[in-house]
N, C-alpha and C. Protein backbone atom coordinates (compact mmCIF):
# COMPACT_ATOMS: atom_id res chain seq x y z
N TYR A 1 0.84 -1.17 0.00
CA TYR A 1 0.00 0.00 0.00
C TYR A 1 0.88 1.23 0.00
N GLY A 2 0.29 2.39 -0.08
CA GLY A 2 1.07 3.62 -0.09
C GLY A 2 1.39 4.05 -1.50
N GLU A 3 2.37 4.91 -1.60
CA GLU A 3 2.76 5.48 -2.88
C GLU A 3 3.58 4.48 -3.69
N GLU A 4 3.41 4.57 -5.00
CA GLU A 4 4.25 3.79 -5.90
C GLU A 4 5.68 4.32 -5.79
N PRO A 5 6.67 3.45 -5.79
CA PRO A 5 8.04 3.94 -5.74
C PRO A 5 8.38 4.70 -7.02
N PRO A 6 9.20 5.73 -6.91
CA PRO A 6 9.56 6.47 -8.13
C PRO A 6 10.32 5.57 -9.09
N MET A 7 9.85 5.52 -10.32
CA MET A 7 10.47 4.65 -11.33
C MET A 7 10.99 5.47 -12.50
N LYS A 8 11.09 6.77 -12.32
CA LYS A 8 11.50 7.63 -13.42
C LYS A 8 12.85 7.19 -13.98
N GLY A 9 12.87 6.94 -15.27
CA GLY A 9 14.11 6.58 -15.94
C GLY A 9 14.52 5.13 -15.76
N THR A 10 13.65 4.31 -15.16
CA THR A 10 14.00 2.90 -14.98
C THR A 10 12.96 2.03 -15.67
N ILE A 11 13.32 0.79 -15.87
CA ILE A 11 12.40 -0.17 -16.47
C ILE A 11 11.61 -0.81 -15.35
N SER A 12 10.31 -0.89 -15.52
CA SER A 12 9.44 -1.49 -14.51
C SER A 12 9.78 -2.97 -14.36
N PRO A 13 9.88 -3.45 -13.12
CA PRO A 13 10.17 -4.88 -12.93
C PRO A 13 9.00 -5.73 -13.39
N LYS A 14 9.29 -6.96 -13.80
CA LYS A 14 8.24 -7.85 -14.26
C LYS A 14 7.34 -8.29 -13.11
N ILE A 15 7.90 -8.34 -11.90
CA ILE A 15 7.14 -8.74 -10.72
C ILE A 15 7.73 -8.01 -9.52
N ARG A 16 6.87 -7.65 -8.60
CA ARG A 16 7.35 -6.97 -7.40
C ARG A 16 7.32 -7.94 -6.23
N ILE A 17 8.47 -8.40 -5.89
CA ILE A 17 8.63 -9.26 -4.72
C ILE A 17 10.01 -8.95 -4.18
N ILE A 18 10.09 -8.82 -2.87
CA ILE A 18 11.37 -8.49 -2.26
C ILE A 18 11.81 -9.62 -1.33
N LYS A 19 13.08 -9.59 -0.98
CA LYS A 19 13.66 -10.65 -0.16
C LYS A 19 12.91 -10.83 1.15
N GLN A 20 12.45 -9.73 1.74
CA GLN A 20 11.74 -9.81 3.01
C GLN A 20 10.44 -10.63 2.88
N MET A 21 9.80 -10.57 1.69
CA MET A 21 8.60 -11.38 1.46
C MET A 21 8.94 -12.86 1.50
N ILE A 22 10.06 -13.21 0.90
CA ILE A 22 10.51 -14.61 0.91
C ILE A 22 10.88 -15.01 2.33
N ASP A 23 11.56 -14.11 3.05
CA ASP A 23 11.94 -14.40 4.43
C ASP A 23 10.73 -14.64 5.32
N VAL A 24 9.65 -13.88 5.13
CA VAL A 24 8.43 -14.07 5.91
C VAL A 24 7.84 -15.45 5.69
N MET A 25 8.01 -15.97 4.47
CA MET A 25 7.52 -17.32 4.17
C MET A 25 8.42 -18.39 4.78
N GLY A 26 9.58 -17.98 5.27
CA GLY A 26 10.50 -18.94 5.87
C GLY A 26 11.73 -19.22 5.03
N GLY A 27 11.91 -18.46 3.96
CA GLY A 27 13.07 -18.66 3.10
C GLY A 27 12.77 -19.56 1.92
N TYR A 28 13.76 -19.67 1.05
CA TYR A 28 13.59 -20.42 -0.20
C TYR A 28 13.35 -21.91 0.01
N GLN A 29 13.82 -22.46 1.10
CA GLN A 29 13.70 -23.91 1.32
C GLN A 29 12.48 -24.28 2.15
N SER A 30 11.69 -23.30 2.58
CA SER A 30 10.57 -23.58 3.48
C SER A 30 9.38 -24.18 2.75
N GLN A 31 8.52 -24.84 3.53
CA GLN A 31 7.30 -25.43 2.99
C GLN A 31 6.37 -24.33 2.47
N LYS A 32 6.31 -23.19 3.16
CA LYS A 32 5.44 -22.09 2.73
C LYS A 32 5.88 -21.53 1.39
N TYR A 33 7.18 -21.45 1.18
CA TYR A 33 7.67 -20.96 -0.11
C TYR A 33 7.37 -21.97 -1.21
N GLN A 34 7.49 -23.26 -0.91
CA GLN A 34 7.15 -24.29 -1.88
C GLN A 34 5.67 -24.22 -2.25
N THR A 35 4.82 -23.96 -1.25
CA THR A 35 3.38 -23.80 -1.51
C THR A 35 3.14 -22.56 -2.36
N PHE A 36 3.84 -21.48 -2.06
CA PHE A 36 3.74 -20.25 -2.85
C PHE A 36 4.09 -20.54 -4.31
N GLN A 37 5.16 -21.27 -4.54
CA GLN A 37 5.55 -21.63 -5.90
C GLN A 37 4.47 -22.45 -6.59
N LYS A 38 3.88 -23.37 -5.87
CA LYS A 38 2.81 -24.20 -6.43
C LYS A 38 1.63 -23.33 -6.83
N TYR A 39 1.24 -22.39 -5.96
CA TYR A 39 0.11 -21.51 -6.25
C TYR A 39 0.40 -20.58 -7.43
N ILE A 40 1.61 -20.06 -7.48
CA ILE A 40 1.94 -19.13 -8.56
C ILE A 40 1.96 -19.86 -9.90
N ARG A 41 2.47 -21.08 -9.92
CA ARG A 41 2.46 -21.89 -11.15
C ARG A 41 1.03 -22.17 -11.61
N SER A 42 0.20 -22.56 -10.66
CA SER A 42 -1.19 -22.89 -10.97
C SER A 42 -1.95 -21.66 -11.48
N SER A 43 -1.80 -20.55 -10.79
CA SER A 43 -2.49 -19.31 -11.19
C SER A 43 -2.05 -18.86 -12.57
N TYR A 44 -0.74 -18.88 -12.79
CA TYR A 44 -0.20 -18.46 -14.08
C TYR A 44 -0.68 -19.36 -15.21
N GLY A 45 -0.72 -20.66 -14.94
CA GLY A 45 -1.20 -21.61 -15.94
C GLY A 45 -2.66 -21.37 -16.30
N ARG A 46 -3.47 -21.09 -15.28
CA ARG A 46 -4.89 -20.83 -15.54
C ARG A 46 -5.08 -19.54 -16.32
N LEU A 47 -4.32 -18.52 -15.98
CA LEU A 47 -4.41 -17.25 -16.72
C LEU A 47 -3.96 -17.44 -18.16
N ARG A 48 -2.91 -18.22 -18.37
CA ARG A 48 -2.42 -18.46 -19.74
C ARG A 48 -3.48 -19.16 -20.57
N LYS A 49 -4.22 -20.09 -19.95
CA LYS A 49 -5.28 -20.78 -20.69
C LYS A 49 -6.38 -19.81 -21.11
N MET A 50 -6.56 -18.74 -20.36
CA MET A 50 -7.58 -17.74 -20.68
C MET A 50 -7.02 -16.62 -21.56
N ALA A 51 -5.76 -16.69 -21.94
CA ALA A 51 -5.12 -15.63 -22.71
C ALA A 51 -5.86 -15.27 -24.00
N PRO A 52 -6.34 -16.24 -24.78
CA PRO A 52 -7.07 -15.85 -26.00
C PRO A 52 -8.29 -14.97 -25.69
N LEU A 53 -9.00 -15.32 -24.63
CA LEU A 53 -10.16 -14.52 -24.24
C LEU A 53 -9.72 -13.12 -23.79
N ILE A 54 -8.68 -13.06 -22.99
CA ILE A 54 -8.18 -11.77 -22.51
C ILE A 54 -7.72 -10.91 -23.68
N LEU A 55 -7.01 -11.50 -24.62
CA LEU A 55 -6.53 -10.75 -25.79
C LEU A 55 -7.71 -10.26 -26.65
N ASN A 56 -8.73 -11.11 -26.81
CA ASN A 56 -9.92 -10.69 -27.54
C ASN A 56 -10.62 -9.54 -26.85
N LEU A 57 -10.75 -9.62 -25.54
CA LEU A 57 -11.39 -8.54 -24.79
C LEU A 57 -10.61 -7.24 -24.93
N LEU A 58 -9.30 -7.33 -24.88
CA LEU A 58 -8.47 -6.13 -25.06
C LEU A 58 -8.72 -5.50 -26.42
N SER A 59 -8.81 -6.33 -27.44
CA SER A 59 -9.01 -5.78 -28.78
C SER A 59 -10.42 -5.21 -28.95
N LEU A 60 -11.41 -5.79 -28.27
CA LEU A 60 -12.79 -5.31 -28.39
C LEU A 60 -13.05 -4.03 -27.60
N ILE A 61 -12.47 -3.94 -26.42
CA ILE A 61 -12.73 -2.76 -25.59
C ILE A 61 -11.66 -1.69 -25.75
N GLY A 62 -10.70 -1.95 -26.59
CA GLY A 62 -9.59 -1.02 -26.76
C GLY A 62 -10.04 0.39 -27.08
N GLN A 63 -9.46 1.31 -26.36
CA GLN A 63 -9.73 2.72 -26.63
C GLN A 63 -8.41 3.36 -27.03
N GLY A 64 -8.50 4.35 -27.84
CA GLY A 64 -7.29 5.01 -28.30
C GLY A 64 -6.93 4.55 -29.70
N SER A 65 -5.73 4.87 -30.06
CA SER A 65 -5.29 4.55 -31.41
C SER A 65 -5.09 3.05 -31.57
N MET A 66 -5.18 2.61 -32.80
CA MET A 66 -4.98 1.19 -33.11
C MET A 66 -3.58 0.75 -32.70
N GLN A 67 -2.61 1.64 -32.84
CA GLN A 67 -1.24 1.32 -32.48
C GLN A 67 -1.15 1.03 -30.98
N LYS A 68 -1.82 1.82 -30.15
CA LYS A 68 -1.79 1.61 -28.70
C LYS A 68 -2.45 0.29 -28.33
N ILE A 69 -3.56 -0.03 -28.98
CA ILE A 69 -4.25 -1.30 -28.72
C ILE A 69 -3.33 -2.47 -29.06
N GLU A 70 -2.66 -2.40 -30.20
CA GLU A 70 -1.74 -3.47 -30.61
C GLU A 70 -0.56 -3.58 -29.64
N GLU A 71 -0.08 -2.46 -29.12
CA GLU A 71 1.01 -2.48 -28.13
C GLU A 71 0.55 -3.20 -26.87
N ASN A 72 -0.67 -2.90 -26.42
CA ASN A 72 -1.20 -3.55 -25.22
C ASN A 72 -1.37 -5.05 -25.43
N ILE A 73 -1.84 -5.44 -26.60
CA ILE A 73 -2.01 -6.86 -26.90
C ILE A 73 -0.65 -7.55 -26.92
N ARG A 74 0.34 -6.92 -27.54
CA ARG A 74 1.70 -7.50 -27.56
C ARG A 74 2.27 -7.63 -26.15
N PHE A 75 2.00 -6.62 -25.32
CA PHE A 75 2.49 -6.63 -23.94
C PHE A 75 1.91 -7.85 -23.20
N VAL A 76 0.59 -8.05 -23.29
CA VAL A 76 -0.06 -9.18 -22.62
C VAL A 76 0.46 -10.50 -23.19
N TYR A 77 0.58 -10.59 -24.49
CA TYR A 77 1.10 -11.79 -25.15
C TYR A 77 2.49 -12.13 -24.61
N THR A 78 3.32 -11.11 -24.50
CA THR A 78 4.69 -11.32 -24.01
C THR A 78 4.70 -11.74 -22.55
N ARG A 79 3.90 -11.08 -21.73
CA ARG A 79 3.87 -11.40 -20.30
C ARG A 79 3.35 -12.81 -20.03
N PHE A 80 2.46 -13.30 -20.87
CA PHE A 80 1.97 -14.66 -20.72
C PHE A 80 2.90 -15.68 -21.35
N SER A 81 3.95 -15.24 -22.04
CA SER A 81 4.92 -16.14 -22.69
C SER A 81 4.20 -17.18 -23.54
N LEU A 82 3.31 -16.72 -24.40
CA LEU A 82 2.48 -17.64 -25.18
C LEU A 82 3.25 -18.36 -26.28
N GLU A 83 4.46 -17.93 -26.56
CA GLU A 83 5.25 -18.58 -27.60
C GLU A 83 5.93 -19.86 -27.13
N ILE A 84 5.87 -20.14 -25.81
CA ILE A 84 6.49 -21.36 -25.27
C ILE A 84 5.42 -22.18 -24.54
N ASN A 85 5.75 -23.44 -24.25
CA ASN A 85 4.76 -24.32 -23.61
C ASN A 85 4.56 -23.95 -22.14
N GLU A 86 3.54 -24.54 -21.52
CA GLU A 86 3.14 -24.17 -20.16
C GLU A 86 4.23 -24.42 -19.13
N ASP A 87 4.90 -25.56 -19.21
CA ASP A 87 5.95 -25.87 -18.24
C ASP A 87 7.11 -24.89 -18.33
N LEU A 88 7.55 -24.61 -19.55
CA LEU A 88 8.65 -23.65 -19.73
C LEU A 88 8.24 -22.26 -19.23
N ALA A 89 7.01 -21.86 -19.51
CA ALA A 89 6.53 -20.55 -19.07
C ALA A 89 6.47 -20.47 -17.55
N ALA A 90 5.98 -21.53 -16.90
CA ALA A 90 5.92 -21.55 -15.43
C ALA A 90 7.31 -21.50 -14.83
N ASN A 91 8.25 -22.25 -15.41
CA ASN A 91 9.63 -22.22 -14.91
C ASN A 91 10.25 -20.84 -15.10
N GLU A 92 9.94 -20.19 -16.21
CA GLU A 92 10.44 -18.84 -16.45
C GLU A 92 9.87 -17.87 -15.41
N LEU A 93 8.59 -18.02 -15.10
CA LEU A 93 7.98 -17.15 -14.08
C LEU A 93 8.65 -17.36 -12.72
N LEU A 94 8.89 -18.60 -12.35
CA LEU A 94 9.56 -18.88 -11.07
C LEU A 94 10.98 -18.32 -11.07
N ARG A 95 11.64 -18.37 -12.20
CA ARG A 95 12.98 -17.78 -12.30
C ARG A 95 12.91 -16.27 -12.09
N ILE A 96 11.91 -15.62 -12.67
CA ILE A 96 11.73 -14.18 -12.53
C ILE A 96 11.45 -13.83 -11.07
N VAL A 97 10.65 -14.63 -10.39
CA VAL A 97 10.35 -14.40 -8.97
C VAL A 97 11.62 -14.48 -8.15
N GLU A 98 12.41 -15.51 -8.38
CA GLU A 98 13.64 -15.69 -7.61
C GLU A 98 14.65 -14.58 -7.92
N GLU A 99 14.68 -14.15 -9.16
CA GLU A 99 15.58 -13.07 -9.58
C GLU A 99 15.18 -11.74 -8.95
N ALA A 100 13.88 -11.52 -8.81
CA ALA A 100 13.37 -10.25 -8.31
C ALA A 100 13.65 -10.07 -6.82
N ALA A 101 13.72 -11.17 -6.09
CA ALA A 101 13.85 -11.07 -4.62
C ALA A 101 15.27 -10.80 -4.19
């Protein structure tokens, strides 16, 4: 909660998770962290399965220029890693989580 951290001149991180969040779960080797990984994989997989619907909705409700709508669709496509299979995408997401902390 609170104010967004100033990001002027920086690239937005793919995920916001800090080391203290991992520590609260008990660290990387804890059962709670393993459960967190299981939940994040499951959630991401379910969202990826809904990606065609999400992309269609974006194109239908898109406001603004066609270029902006296409940029948003590309952004969602990239974030869901739709060019690779589900297992590789989930492993990539877990790598990003570990890298971010």
